[in-house]
N, C-alpha and C. Protein backbone atom coordinates (compact mmCIF):
# COMPACT_ATOMS: atom_id res chain seq x y z
N MET A 1 24.01 9.01 21.74
CA MET A 1 22.99 9.98 22.11
C MET A 1 21.65 8.99 22.79
N ARG A 2 21.65 9.33 23.77
CA ARG A 2 20.80 8.38 24.10
C ARG A 2 18.88 8.60 24.26
N LEU A 3 17.88 8.10 24.07
CA LEU A 3 16.60 7.81 24.00
C LEU A 3 15.80 7.45 24.24
N ARG A 4 14.08 7.83 24.43
CA ARG A 4 13.41 6.92 25.24
C ARG A 4 12.29 6.96 23.90
N VAL A 5 11.84 5.48 24.08
CA VAL A 5 10.93 4.86 23.02
C VAL A 5 8.79 4.92 23.37
N ILE A 6 8.22 5.31 23.49
CA ILE A 6 7.05 4.13 23.48
C ILE A 6 6.59 3.93 22.33
N ASN A 7 5.58 2.85 21.94
CA ASN A 7 4.95 2.74 21.07
C ASN A 7 3.54 2.85 21.08
N ILE A 8 2.43 3.20 20.71
CA ILE A 8 1.39 3.32 20.06
C ILE A 8 1.04 2.43 18.72
N THR A 9 0.10 1.66 19.30
CA THR A 9 -0.57 0.88 18.55
C THR A 9 -1.68 1.23 17.87
N LEU A 10 -2.61 1.53 16.75
CA LEU A 10 -3.24 1.66 16.35
C LEU A 10 -4.49 1.19 15.56
N CYS A 11 -5.35 0.79 16.09
CA CYS A 11 -6.30 -0.05 14.74
C CYS A 11 -7.29 0.31 14.53
N PHE A 12 -8.00 0.40 13.44
CA PHE A 12 -9.20 1.51 12.80
C PHE A 12 -10.59 0.18 12.21
N CYS A 13 -11.61 0.12 12.47
CA CYS A 13 -12.00 -0.30 11.53
C CYS A 13 -13.74 0.65 11.94
N VAL A 14 -15.22 -0.35 11.51
CA VAL A 14 -15.93 1.19 10.49
C VAL A 14 -16.61 1.16 12.64
N ILE A 15 -16.15 0.42 13.77
CA ILE A 15 -17.20 0.91 14.60
C ILE A 15 -16.23 0.49 15.94
N ILE A 16 -14.40 0.61 16.01
CA ILE A 16 -13.89 0.04 17.04
C ILE A 16 -12.35 0.88 16.16
N PHE A 17 -11.55 1.86 17.41
CA PHE A 17 -10.50 2.23 17.52
C PHE A 17 -9.87 1.83 18.75
N GLY A 18 -8.82 1.38 18.32
CA GLY A 18 -7.86 0.42 19.33
C GLY A 18 -6.77 0.87 19.25
N ALA A 19 -5.85 0.95 20.25
CA ALA A 19 -4.53 1.99 20.93
C ALA A 19 -4.08 0.87 22.20
N ALA A 20 -2.97 0.62 21.91
CA ALA A 20 -1.89 0.14 22.98
C ALA A 20 -0.18 0.34 22.75
N ILE A 21 -0.17 1.17 24.21
CA ILE A 21 1.12 2.49 23.96
C ILE A 21 2.08 1.32 25.23
N ASN A 22 3.20 0.76 24.80
CA ASN A 22 4.17 0.42 25.46
C ASN A 22 5.30 1.22 25.66
N ILE A 23 5.96 1.01 26.60
CA ILE A 23 7.49 1.83 27.10
C ILE A 23 8.64 0.49 27.35
N PHE A 24 9.57 1.32 26.84
CA PHE A 24 11.06 0.49 27.00
C PHE A 24 11.25 0.33 28.12
N ALA A 25 12.31 0.03 28.68
CA ALA A 25 13.69 0.02 29.41
C ALA A 25 13.76 1.75 29.78
N GLN A 26 13.98 2.17 31.14
CA GLN A 26 13.81 3.65 31.51
C GLN A 26 15.47 3.97 31.14
N GLN A 27 16.20 5.24 30.79
CA GLN A 27 17.18 5.64 30.69
C GLN A 27 17.20 7.02 31.14
N GLN A 28 18.49 7.14 31.78
CA GLN A 28 19.08 8.16 33.17
C GLN A 28 18.73 9.54 32.57
N ASN A 29 18.71 9.85 31.31
CA ASN A 29 18.68 11.40 30.68
C ASN A 29 17.26 11.59 30.35
N TYR A 30 16.82 10.51 29.83
CA TYR A 30 15.39 10.97 29.27
C TYR A 30 14.12 9.98 29.49
N ASP A 31 13.48 9.81 29.97
CA ASP A 31 13.05 9.47 30.13
C ASP A 31 10.83 9.35 29.52
N ILE A 32 9.81 8.91 28.83
CA ILE A 32 8.48 8.39 29.06
C ILE A 32 7.38 7.44 29.67
N SER A 33 6.72 7.97 30.68
CA SER A 33 5.91 7.16 31.35
C SER A 33 4.78 7.77 31.66
N SER A 34 3.43 6.73 31.82
CA SER A 34 2.03 7.27 31.77
C SER A 34 2.43 8.57 32.53
N GLY A 35 1.55 9.97 31.88
CA GLY A 35 1.23 11.22 33.08
C GLY A 35 0.16 11.30 33.69
N GLY A 36 -0.76 9.74 33.52
CA GLY A 36 -2.15 9.99 34.65
C GLY A 36 -2.95 8.90 34.25
N GLN A 37 -4.26 8.99 34.77
CA GLN A 37 -5.42 8.26 33.91
C GLN A 37 -5.44 8.64 32.22
N SER A 38 -5.88 8.09 31.45
CA SER A 38 -6.20 8.57 30.22
C SER A 38 -8.23 8.45 30.47
N THR A 39 -8.80 9.61 29.47
CA THR A 39 -10.49 9.47 29.05
C THR A 39 -10.88 9.74 28.03
N ILE A 40 -11.92 9.01 28.41
CA ILE A 40 -12.93 9.30 26.58
C ILE A 40 -13.86 9.61 27.28
N THR A 41 -14.25 10.57 26.08
CA THR A 41 -15.85 11.43 26.18
C THR A 41 -16.73 11.65 24.62
N GLY A 42 -17.72 11.35 25.07
CA GLY A 42 -18.61 11.04 23.88
C GLY A 42 -18.91 9.82 23.18
N ALA A 43 -18.32 8.58 24.08
CA ALA A 43 -18.51 7.66 23.51
C ALA A 43 -19.71 6.70 23.25
N LEU A 44 -20.04 6.03 22.12
CA LEU A 44 -20.94 4.94 22.58
C LEU A 44 -20.55 3.72 22.81
N ASN A 45 -20.61 2.84 24.23
CA ASN A 45 -20.02 1.18 24.29
C ASN A 45 -18.14 1.84 24.19
N GLY A 46 -17.96 2.77 24.64
CA GLY A 46 -16.93 2.72 24.16
C GLY A 46 -15.56 3.13 25.34
N SER A 47 -14.39 2.64 25.48
CA SER A 47 -13.96 2.74 26.83
C SER A 47 -12.61 2.96 26.99
N VAL A 48 -11.88 3.33 28.06
CA VAL A 48 -10.27 3.13 28.08
C VAL A 48 -9.58 2.59 29.02
N SER A 49 -9.03 2.19 28.70
CA SER A 49 -8.39 1.37 30.61
C SER A 49 -6.53 1.56 30.14
N GLY A 50 -5.76 1.25 31.49
CA GLY A 50 -4.65 0.85 31.39
C GLY A 50 -3.76 1.23 32.35
N SER A 51 -2.74 1.87 32.54
CA SER A 51 -1.69 2.85 33.68
C SER A 51 -2.38 4.30 33.31
N SER A 52 -2.06 4.16 34.81
CA SER A 52 -2.67 6.20 35.14
C SER A 52 -2.16 6.28 36.52
N THR A 53 -0.65 5.70 36.49
CA THR A 53 0.39 6.91 37.33
C THR A 53 1.30 7.16 37.48
N SER A 54 2.11 8.73 37.27
CA SER A 54 3.34 8.77 36.71
C SER A 54 4.52 7.54 36.47
N LEU A 55 4.46 7.12 37.77
CA LEU A 55 5.38 6.14 37.67
C LEU A 55 5.32 4.77 37.17
N GLN A 56 4.24 4.40 36.27
CA GLN A 56 3.55 3.17 35.36
C GLN A 56 4.78 3.32 34.16
N ASN A 57 5.25 2.62 33.04
CA ASN A 57 5.43 2.32 32.03
C ASN A 57 3.72 2.62 31.34
N LEU A 58 3.81 2.78 30.09
CA LEU A 58 2.49 3.73 29.92
C LEU A 58 1.91 2.37 28.75
N THR A 59 0.99 1.91 29.20
CA THR A 59 0.28 0.78 28.39
C THR A 59 -1.44 1.02 28.62
N VAL A 60 -1.94 1.79 27.41
CA VAL A 60 -3.28 2.69 27.04
C VAL A 60 -4.10 1.37 26.16
N THR A 61 -5.40 1.09 26.43
CA THR A 61 -6.39 0.48 25.58
C THR A 61 -7.22 1.81 25.33
N ILE A 62 -7.69 1.56 23.86
CA ILE A 62 -8.90 2.37 23.62
C ILE A 62 -9.99 1.61 23.06
N ASN A 63 -10.62 2.06 22.85
CA ASN A 63 -12.55 1.66 22.28
C ASN A 63 -13.18 2.57 21.85
N PHE A 64 -12.58 3.10 20.78
CA PHE A 64 -14.08 4.18 20.35
C PHE A 64 -15.37 3.85 20.14
N GLY A 65 -15.53 2.64 20.32
CA GLY A 65 -16.98 2.35 20.34
C GLY A 65 -17.54 2.23 18.93
N GLU A 66 -19.02 2.88 18.91
CA GLU A 66 -19.70 2.97 18.37
C GLU A 66 -19.09 4.42 17.66
N VAL A 67 -18.88 4.00 15.98
CA VAL A 67 -18.59 5.47 15.20
C VAL A 67 -19.31 5.71 14.01
N SER A 68 -20.37 5.08 14.19
CA SER A 68 -21.61 5.46 12.99
C SER A 68 -22.71 6.13 13.61
N ALA A 69 -23.41 6.62 12.45
CA ALA A 69 -24.42 7.43 12.69
C ALA A 69 -25.14 6.76 13.85
N ALA A 70 -25.34 6.00 14.33
CA ALA A 70 -25.64 5.57 15.77
C ALA A 70 -25.34 6.29 16.59
N ASN A 71 -24.51 6.74 16.90
CA ASN A 71 -23.84 7.21 18.33
C ASN A 71 -23.60 8.68 17.94
N PRO A 72 -25.29 9.32 19.20
CA PRO A 72 -25.50 10.50 18.68
C PRO A 72 -24.65 12.22 19.22
N ASN A 73 -23.47 11.28 19.54
CA ASN A 73 -22.89 12.65 20.23
C ASN A 73 -21.77 12.90 19.17
N ALA A 74 -21.18 14.28 19.61
CA ALA A 74 -21.24 14.88 17.88
C ALA A 74 -19.28 14.21 17.80
N ILE A 75 -18.87 14.50 18.26
CA ILE A 75 -17.35 13.43 18.65
C ILE A 75 -16.97 12.93 19.54
N VAL A 76 -16.07 11.65 19.73
CA VAL A 76 -15.03 11.02 20.23
C VAL A 76 -13.85 11.48 20.44
N ARG A 77 -13.83 11.67 21.86
CA ARG A 77 -12.32 12.10 22.09
C ARG A 77 -11.65 11.22 23.78
N VAL A 78 -10.12 11.12 22.91
CA VAL A 78 -9.09 10.47 24.20
C VAL A 78 -8.67 10.76 23.98
N VAL A 79 -8.17 11.42 26.04
CA VAL A 79 -7.10 12.00 26.15
C VAL A 79 -5.79 11.12 26.26
N VAL A 80 -4.64 11.35 26.45
CA VAL A 80 -3.89 10.31 26.87
C VAL A 80 -2.22 10.67 27.23
N PRO A 81 -2.49 11.49 28.88
CA PRO A 81 -1.58 11.94 29.14
C PRO A 81 -0.64 11.26 29.39
N ILE A 82 1.69 11.65 28.74
CA ILE A 82 2.23 11.53 28.44
C ILE A 82 3.42 11.95 29.68
N GLY A 83 4.00 11.71 30.46
CA GLY A 83 5.18 12.09 31.39
C GLY A 83 6.29 12.15 31.21
N VAL A 84 6.98 13.08 31.06
CA VAL A 84 8.20 13.14 30.19
C VAL A 84 8.68 13.82 30.96
N ARG A 85 10.23 13.15 31.19
CA ARG A 85 11.48 14.07 32.16
C ARG A 85 12.51 13.89 31.00
N SER A 86 13.46 14.71 31.50
CA SER A 86 14.84 14.79 30.96
C SER A 86 15.98 15.55 31.72
N LEU A 87 16.79 15.52 31.46
CA LEU A 87 18.17 16.04 32.33
C LEU A 87 18.91 16.89 31.34
N GLN A 88 18.44 17.24 30.42
CA GLN A 88 19.21 18.18 29.16
C GLN A 88 18.09 18.63 27.96
N PRO A 89 18.11 19.29 27.27
CA PRO A 89 17.32 20.04 26.65
C PRO A 89 16.80 18.91 25.94
N TYR A 90 15.77 18.43 25.41
CA TYR A 90 14.70 17.49 24.59
C TYR A 90 14.51 17.34 24.01
N GLN A 91 13.77 16.68 22.60
CA GLN A 91 12.78 16.52 21.51
C GLN A 91 12.47 15.33 21.99
N VAL A 92 10.33 15.22 21.54
CA VAL A 92 9.88 14.17 21.32
C VAL A 92 9.54 14.62 20.27
N SER A 93 9.66 13.14 19.08
CA SER A 93 8.92 12.85 17.99
C SER A 93 8.46 11.88 17.45
N VAL A 94 7.83 11.78 16.79
CA VAL A 94 6.39 10.54 15.99
C VAL A 94 6.49 10.09 15.30
N SER A 95 6.63 9.28 14.98
CA SER A 95 6.78 8.67 13.32
C SER A 95 5.15 7.51 13.26
N MET A 96 4.71 6.60 12.33
CA MET A 96 4.08 5.65 11.99
C MET A 96 4.40 5.07 11.00
N SER A 97 3.97 3.92 11.07
CA SER A 97 3.90 2.69 9.92
C SER A 97 2.41 1.71 10.27
N GLY A 98 2.05 1.62 8.88
CA GLY A 98 1.08 0.75 9.16
C GLY A 98 0.13 0.50 7.66
N ASN A 99 -0.93 0.43 7.99
CA ASN A 99 -1.17 0.18 5.95
C ASN A 99 -2.44 1.30 5.89
N GLY A 100 -3.07 1.68 4.85
CA GLY A 100 -4.11 2.00 5.03
C GLY A 100 -5.52 1.21 4.36
N ASN A 101 -6.42 2.18 3.91
CA ASN A 101 -7.82 1.03 3.71
C ASN A 101 -8.03 0.72 1.97
N ALA A 102 -7.88 0.21 1.70
CA ALA A 102 -8.62 0.46 0.15
C ALA A 102 -9.48 0.84 -0.48
N ASP A 103 -10.71 0.76 0.77
CA ASP A 103 -12.03 1.37 0.23
C ASP A 103 -11.80 3.06 0.70
N SER A 104 -12.16 4.39 -0.47
CA SER A 104 -11.75 5.31 0.50
C SER A 104 -13.17 6.26 1.39
N ARG A 105 -14.10 5.12 1.27
CA ARG A 105 -15.39 5.16 1.76
C ARG A 105 -14.81 4.65 3.91
N ALA A 106 -13.95 3.48 3.80
CA ALA A 106 -14.15 3.18 4.75
C ALA A 106 -13.30 4.43 5.78
N ILE A 107 -12.82 3.86 7.16
CA ILE A 107 -12.29 4.75 8.18
C ILE A 107 -10.79 4.59 7.50
N GLN A 108 -10.46 6.04 7.16
CA GLN A 108 -8.57 6.01 6.85
C GLN A 108 -8.16 6.84 8.49
N LEU A 109 -6.82 6.93 8.10
CA LEU A 109 -5.81 7.38 9.43
C LEU A 109 -6.43 9.42 8.91
N THR A 110 -7.04 9.56 7.82
CA THR A 110 -7.10 11.38 8.08
C THR A 110 -8.72 11.14 8.50
N ASP A 111 -9.10 10.40 8.90
CA ASP A 111 -10.69 10.65 9.66
C ASP A 111 -10.16 10.32 11.54
N ILE A 112 -8.98 10.11 11.66
CA ILE A 112 -8.57 10.41 12.82
C ILE A 112 -7.84 11.18 13.62
N GLY A 113 -8.70 12.53 14.18
CA GLY A 113 -7.25 13.48 14.39
C GLY A 113 -6.91 13.47 15.54
N TYR A 114 -5.23 13.92 15.75
CA TYR A 114 -4.16 13.84 16.78
C TYR A 114 -3.94 14.71 16.88
N GLY A 115 -3.45 15.40 18.03
CA GLY A 115 -2.77 16.89 18.58
C GLY A 115 -2.45 16.56 19.90
N ASN A 116 -1.66 17.55 20.37
CA ASN A 116 -0.95 17.70 21.13
C ASN A 116 -1.02 19.00 22.20
N SER A 117 -1.42 19.22 23.33
CA SER A 117 -1.12 20.19 24.24
C SER A 117 -1.16 20.29 25.41
N ASN A 118 -0.93 20.99 26.36
CA ASN A 118 -1.73 21.15 27.65
C ASN A 118 -0.35 20.85 28.41
N MET A 119 0.92 20.94 28.45
CA MET A 119 1.81 20.97 28.86
C MET A 119 1.82 21.74 30.20
N ARG A 120 2.41 21.00 31.17
CA ARG A 120 2.13 21.46 32.53
C ARG A 120 2.88 20.91 32.93
N PRO A 121 4.05 21.32 34.84
CA PRO A 121 4.87 20.77 35.50
C PRO A 121 3.62 19.04 35.74
N LEU A 122 4.61 18.29 36.40
CA LEU A 122 4.07 16.75 36.50
C LEU A 122 4.30 17.04 38.29
N GLY A 123 5.17 18.04 38.65
CA GLY A 123 4.94 18.26 40.37
C GLY A 123 6.44 18.55 40.46
N ALA A 124 6.26 19.41 41.92
CA ALA A 124 7.58 19.86 42.75
C ALA A 124 8.67 19.56 41.87
N LYS A 125 8.89 18.81 41.66
CA LYS A 125 10.79 18.73 40.60
C LYS A 125 11.08 18.48 39.44
N GLY A 126 9.84 19.24 38.76
CA GLY A 126 9.65 19.55 37.45
C GLY A 126 10.75 21.01 37.51
N GLN A 127 11.57 20.96 36.24
CA GLN A 127 12.41 21.71 36.32
C GLN A 127 11.40 23.29 35.91
N LEU A 128 11.16 24.34 35.86
CA LEU A 128 10.63 25.67 35.68
C LEU A 128 12.10 26.41 35.05
N CYS A 129 11.61 26.73 33.99
CA CYS A 129 13.00 27.98 33.34
C CYS A 129 11.98 29.25 32.99
N THR A 130 13.10 30.52 33.05
CA THR A 130 12.31 31.17 32.64
C THR A 130 13.28 31.84 31.52
N ARG A 131 13.84 31.21 30.97
CA ARG A 131 14.68 31.59 29.58
C ARG A 131 14.35 31.27 28.54
N SER A 132 13.44 29.93 28.64
CA SER A 132 13.15 28.75 27.78
C SER A 132 11.45 28.24 27.46
N SER A 133 10.78 28.09 26.86
CA SER A 133 9.73 27.12 26.87
C SER A 133 9.66 25.97 25.99
N HIS A 134 8.87 25.45 26.90
CA HIS A 134 8.40 23.79 25.93
C HIS A 134 7.50 24.47 24.71
N ILE A 135 7.94 23.91 23.65
CA ILE A 135 7.36 24.07 21.89
C ILE A 135 6.13 23.12 21.60
N PHE A 136 5.26 23.03 21.42
CA PHE A 136 4.37 22.10 20.45
C PHE A 136 4.42 22.91 19.08
N TYR A 137 4.74 21.64 18.25
CA TYR A 137 5.17 21.75 16.59
C TYR A 137 4.00 22.00 15.86
N ALA A 138 3.55 22.61 15.07
CA ALA A 138 2.69 22.60 13.99
C ALA A 138 2.71 21.49 13.07
N PRO A 139 2.00 21.27 12.50
CA PRO A 139 0.11 21.10 12.36
C PRO A 139 -0.22 20.71 14.05
N PHE A 140 0.40 19.82 14.35
CA PHE A 140 -0.20 19.04 16.08
C PHE A 140 -0.28 19.80 17.50
N ASP A 141 0.23 21.43 17.06
CA ASP A 141 -0.08 21.88 17.96
C ASP A 141 -1.33 22.39 18.94
N ASN A 142 -2.52 21.34 18.56
CA ASN A 142 -3.40 21.66 18.83
C ASN A 142 -4.16 20.14 19.77
N ASP A 143 -5.65 20.90 19.75
CA ASP A 143 -6.52 19.95 20.25
C ASP A 143 -7.72 19.48 18.95
N PRO A 144 -7.34 18.36 18.66
CA PRO A 144 -7.76 18.05 17.15
C PRO A 144 -9.77 18.48 17.46
N ALA A 145 -10.40 18.05 18.58
CA ALA A 145 -11.39 18.33 19.06
C ALA A 145 -12.22 20.02 18.69
N THR A 146 -10.80 20.71 18.71
CA THR A 146 -12.06 21.84 18.24
C THR A 146 -11.33 22.67 16.79
N THR A 147 -10.89 22.12 16.20
CA THR A 147 -10.55 21.92 14.88
C THR A 147 -10.77 21.86 13.91
N ARG A 148 -12.16 20.96 13.76
CA ARG A 148 -12.79 20.07 12.68
C ARG A 148 -13.81 21.17 11.78
N THR A 149 -13.56 20.79 10.45
CA THR A 149 -14.47 21.65 9.51
C THR A 149 -14.79 20.00 8.50
N ILE A 150 -16.16 20.64 7.63
CA ILE A 150 -16.73 19.31 6.57
C ILE A 150 -15.53 20.04 5.54
N ASN A 151 -15.06 19.03 4.82
CA ASN A 151 -14.14 19.03 3.53
C ASN A 151 -15.19 19.25 2.41
N SER A 152 -14.97 19.12 0.65
CA SER A 152 -15.01 19.26 -0.54
C SER A 152 -16.52 17.89 -0.68
N SER A 153 -15.82 16.86 0.22
CA SER A 153 -16.81 15.76 -0.09
C SER A 153 -17.63 15.24 0.93
N GLY A 154 -17.93 16.47 1.66
CA GLY A 154 -18.75 16.31 2.71
C GLY A 154 -18.27 15.22 4.13
N ARG A 155 -16.99 15.52 4.45
CA ARG A 155 -16.45 14.31 5.10
C ARG A 155 -15.69 15.21 6.01
N VAL A 156 -16.11 15.13 7.69
CA VAL A 156 -15.04 16.08 8.50
C VAL A 156 -13.78 15.82 8.69
N ALA A 157 -12.94 16.53 8.63
CA ALA A 157 -11.75 17.09 8.51
C ALA A 157 -10.87 17.61 10.09
N TYR A 158 -9.94 17.36 9.89
CA TYR A 158 -9.42 18.31 11.53
C TYR A 158 -7.59 18.82 10.52
N THR A 159 -7.60 19.98 11.76
CA THR A 159 -5.85 20.40 11.11
C THR A 159 -4.73 19.53 11.05
N SER A 160 -4.54 18.51 11.92
CA SER A 160 -3.55 17.59 12.42
C SER A 160 -4.30 16.29 12.13
N THR A 161 -4.19 14.99 11.50
CA THR A 161 -4.60 13.31 11.23
C THR A 161 -3.74 12.97 11.73
N THR A 162 -4.02 11.42 12.53
CA THR A 162 -2.21 10.81 12.46
C THR A 162 -2.11 10.57 10.66
N ALA A 163 -2.86 10.59 9.55
CA ALA A 163 -2.27 10.81 7.97
C ALA A 163 -1.08 11.76 8.24
N LYS A 164 -0.83 12.63 8.71
CA LYS A 164 0.10 14.47 8.39
C LYS A 164 1.46 13.18 9.07
N ILE A 165 1.59 12.58 9.53
CA ILE A 165 2.54 12.53 10.62
C ILE A 165 4.33 11.27 9.51
N THR A 166 4.76 11.93 9.47
CA THR A 166 6.07 11.23 8.53
C THR A 166 6.78 10.71 9.41
N SER A 167 8.49 10.12 8.49
CA SER A 167 9.22 8.69 9.01
C SER A 167 9.33 9.47 10.72
N SER A 168 9.66 10.84 10.63
CA SER A 168 9.76 11.17 11.82
C SER A 168 9.70 12.81 12.07
N THR A 169 8.59 12.78 13.17
CA THR A 169 7.91 13.94 13.10
C THR A 169 8.11 14.98 14.66
N VAL A 170 8.88 15.56 14.81
CA VAL A 170 9.05 16.30 15.71
C VAL A 170 7.95 16.79 16.11
N ILE A 171 7.38 16.91 17.27
CA ILE A 171 6.12 17.66 18.00
C ILE A 171 6.53 18.28 19.17
N LEU A 172 7.47 18.15 19.80
CA LEU A 172 7.49 19.26 20.73
C LEU A 172 8.88 19.12 21.56
N SER A 173 9.56 20.43 21.87
CA SER A 173 11.17 20.14 22.35
C SER A 173 10.89 21.45 23.60
N GLY A 174 12.11 21.52 23.98
CA GLY A 174 12.31 22.51 25.47
C GLY A 174 13.69 22.13 26.01
N PRO A 175 13.94 22.92 26.83
CA PRO A 175 14.81 23.21 28.11
C PRO A 175 14.88 21.75 28.98
N LYS A 176 16.09 21.44 29.51
CA LYS A 176 15.07 20.06 30.87
C LYS A 176 14.34 20.09 31.37
N LEU A 177 13.80 18.99 32.33
CA LEU A 177 12.62 18.72 33.07
C LEU A 177 12.85 18.68 33.98
N THR A 178 13.43 18.03 34.19
CA THR A 178 14.28 17.76 35.56
C THR A 178 14.92 18.14 36.31
N GLN A 179 14.33 18.60 38.00
CA GLN A 179 15.38 18.71 38.22
C GLN A 179 16.54 18.06 39.26
N GLY A 180 17.54 17.92 39.55
CA GLY A 180 18.11 17.22 40.38
C GLY A 180 19.18 16.18 39.30
N LYS A 181 19.57 14.80 39.47
CA LYS A 181 19.86 13.67 38.84
C LYS A 181 19.45 12.55 38.18
N GLY A 182 17.69 13.09 38.46
CA GLY A 182 17.24 11.75 37.48
C GLY A 182 17.57 10.75 37.34
N SER A 183 17.95 10.11 38.79
CA SER A 183 18.60 8.58 39.12
C SER A 183 17.10 7.87 39.15
N SER A 184 16.33 7.83 39.23
CA SER A 184 15.24 7.31 38.94
C SER A 184 13.45 7.97 38.79
N ARG A 185 12.64 7.29 38.76
CA ARG A 185 11.57 7.95 38.20
C ARG A 185 10.47 8.45 39.65
N LEU A 186 10.94 9.38 39.71
CA LEU A 186 9.47 9.91 40.54
C LEU A 186 8.19 9.90 40.42
N VAL A 187 7.28 10.82 40.90
CA VAL A 187 6.39 11.03 41.15
C VAL A 187 6.27 12.43 40.43
N ASP A 188 6.69 13.03 41.08
CA ASP A 188 6.90 15.01 40.38
C ASP A 188 7.82 15.82 40.50
N ASP A 189 8.90 14.60 39.22
CA ASP A 189 10.01 14.85 38.72
C ASP A 189 10.07 15.47 37.29
N GLY A 190 9.08 15.60 36.23
CA GLY A 190 9.22 16.38 34.80
C GLY A 190 7.88 17.20 34.98
N TRP A 191 7.32 16.75 33.40
CA TRP A 191 6.63 17.27 33.21
C TRP A 191 5.07 16.37 32.45
N VAL A 192 4.15 16.97 32.09
CA VAL A 192 3.27 15.87 31.41
C VAL A 192 2.47 16.66 30.08
N PHE A 193 2.51 15.98 29.07
CA PHE A 193 1.22 16.80 27.93
C PHE A 193 0.19 15.98 27.53
N ASP A 194 -0.44 15.94 27.09
CA ASP A 194 -1.69 15.67 26.49
C ASP A 194 -1.71 15.26 24.72
N ALA A 195 -1.36 13.93 24.94
CA ALA A 195 -1.72 13.39 23.17
C ALA A 195 -3.51 13.09 23.26
N VAL A 196 -3.96 13.69 22.22
CA VAL A 196 -5.47 13.89 22.24
C VAL A 196 -5.68 12.87 20.58
N PHE A 197 -6.71 12.04 20.84
CA PHE A 197 -7.34 11.56 19.52
C PHE A 197 -8.62 11.49 19.93
N VAL A 198 -9.22 12.18 18.48
CA VAL A 198 -10.52 12.13 17.89
C VAL A 198 -11.22 11.30 16.98
N ILE A 199 -12.77 11.48 17.28
CA ILE A 199 -12.79 10.72 15.52
C ILE A 199 -14.47 11.15 15.38
N THR A 200 -14.94 11.89 14.51
CA THR A 200 -16.10 12.03 14.35
C THR A 200 -17.29 10.82 14.35
N PRO A 201 -18.19 10.29 14.76
CA PRO A 201 -19.37 9.90 14.19
C PRO A 201 -20.04 9.86 13.47
N GLN A 202 -20.25 9.20 12.36
CA GLN A 202 -20.28 9.64 10.67
C GLN A 202 -21.01 8.22 9.98
N PHE A 203 -21.39 8.18 8.59
CA PHE A 203 -21.33 6.71 7.54
C PHE A 203 -20.05 7.00 7.26
N PHE A 204 -19.14 5.56 7.35
CA PHE A 204 -18.24 4.63 6.73
C PHE A 204 -18.87 3.24 6.75
N ALA A 205 -17.75 3.29 5.67
CA ALA A 205 -17.83 2.07 5.10
C ALA A 205 -17.41 0.82 5.73
N PRO A 206 -17.74 -0.49 5.80
CA PRO A 206 -17.05 -1.36 6.34
C PRO A 206 -15.88 -1.65 5.84
N GLY A 207 -14.64 -1.71 7.23
CA GLY A 207 -13.69 -2.38 6.69
C GLY A 207 -12.38 -1.86 7.55
N SER A 208 -11.18 -1.80 7.89
CA SER A 208 -10.20 -1.59 8.78
C SER A 208 -8.75 -1.25 8.53
N THR A 209 -8.25 -0.57 9.55
CA THR A 209 -7.00 0.62 9.38
C THR A 209 -5.41 -0.01 10.13
N THR A 210 -5.26 -0.32 10.41
CA THR A 210 -3.80 -0.33 11.52
C THR A 210 -2.70 0.25 11.08
N ALA A 211 -2.59 0.87 12.35
CA ALA A 211 -1.18 1.43 12.44
C ALA A 211 -0.43 1.73 13.04
N THR A 212 0.82 2.07 13.61
CA THR A 212 1.97 1.97 14.47
C THR A 212 2.54 3.37 15.07
N LEU A 213 2.31 4.64 15.87
CA LEU A 213 2.73 5.31 15.90
C LEU A 213 4.02 5.19 17.59
N THR A 214 4.95 5.41 16.84
CA THR A 214 6.51 5.19 17.87
C THR A 214 6.69 6.62 18.74
N PHE A 215 6.75 7.49 19.22
CA PHE A 215 7.07 8.45 20.24
C PHE A 215 8.60 8.03 20.74
N ILE A 216 9.62 9.18 20.52
CA ILE A 216 10.81 9.51 20.89
C ILE A 216 11.15 10.57 21.68
N ILE A 217 11.78 10.04 22.77
CA ILE A 217 12.00 11.27 23.05
C ILE A 217 13.70 11.57 23.50
N ALA A 218 14.39 12.18 22.86
CA ALA A 218 15.79 12.34 22.83
C ALA A 218 16.31 13.77 23.06
N GLU A 219 17.89 13.88 22.75
CA GLU A 219 18.10 15.01 23.23
C GLU A 219 17.55 16.28 21.93
N GLY A 220 17.36 17.80 22.40
CA GLY A 220 17.00 17.87 21.74
C GLY A 220 17.84 19.32 21.17
N PRO A 221 17.21 20.30 20.26
CA PRO A 221 18.12 21.80 20.31
C PRO A 221 18.10 22.70 21.47
N ALA A 222 19.48 23.32 21.38
CA ALA A 222 19.47 24.17 22.76
C ALA A 222 18.44 25.11 23.27
N ALA A 223 18.89 24.83 24.25
CA ALA A 223 17.22 25.95 24.93
C ALA A 223 18.07 26.36 26.74
N LEU A 224 18.18 27.34 26.82
CA LEU A 224 18.62 27.40 28.12
C LEU A 224 17.51 27.50 28.98
N CYS A 225 17.88 27.47 30.31
CA CYS A 225 16.96 26.55 31.33
C CYS A 225 17.29 28.60 32.33
């Protein structure tokens, strides 16, 4: 089985969230790349930078900036477009490794909302299918910016967070993504979806948390096109 891997490294502390997304050598049947320019909203002294076109390997650095109560915005939201290509039915899975924070009052993985949304063709050579559709899997089938609640301890909670990622969690599957033979990466030969990361500015104890998210595209369940 051929597969395609990218890594997202998440680093948390009381005022900083960092992410680096790296991509490995291209395979013919399955591919992940940048899906376009990443964006950040609601940040105070935050930023997002990195690869911005679908021909580039995906490398993105996110700085959430100030996430204490000094940030007057309701939420900090980062959208990372991810391009996907395949010549066969596929699935995208994500796994995570890393350590939590010993102080429960400091930023935890549960404080970082994570979801996926907005699947759309990358361009004219993206395969349009009439018998199958691309499916986001629960609980990550949402924009976490719209699912915020306050839990019993008074902390902001989300339907899906980085803490809900298991050893290998399927987040997306569907029919073939690419027309033609897919022998090279083109600007318009696949689909793109958004990986959305959010955090709500609030009072956190000092501390840091690090984790690594690994996204893999590989052969998926049968899906007629």
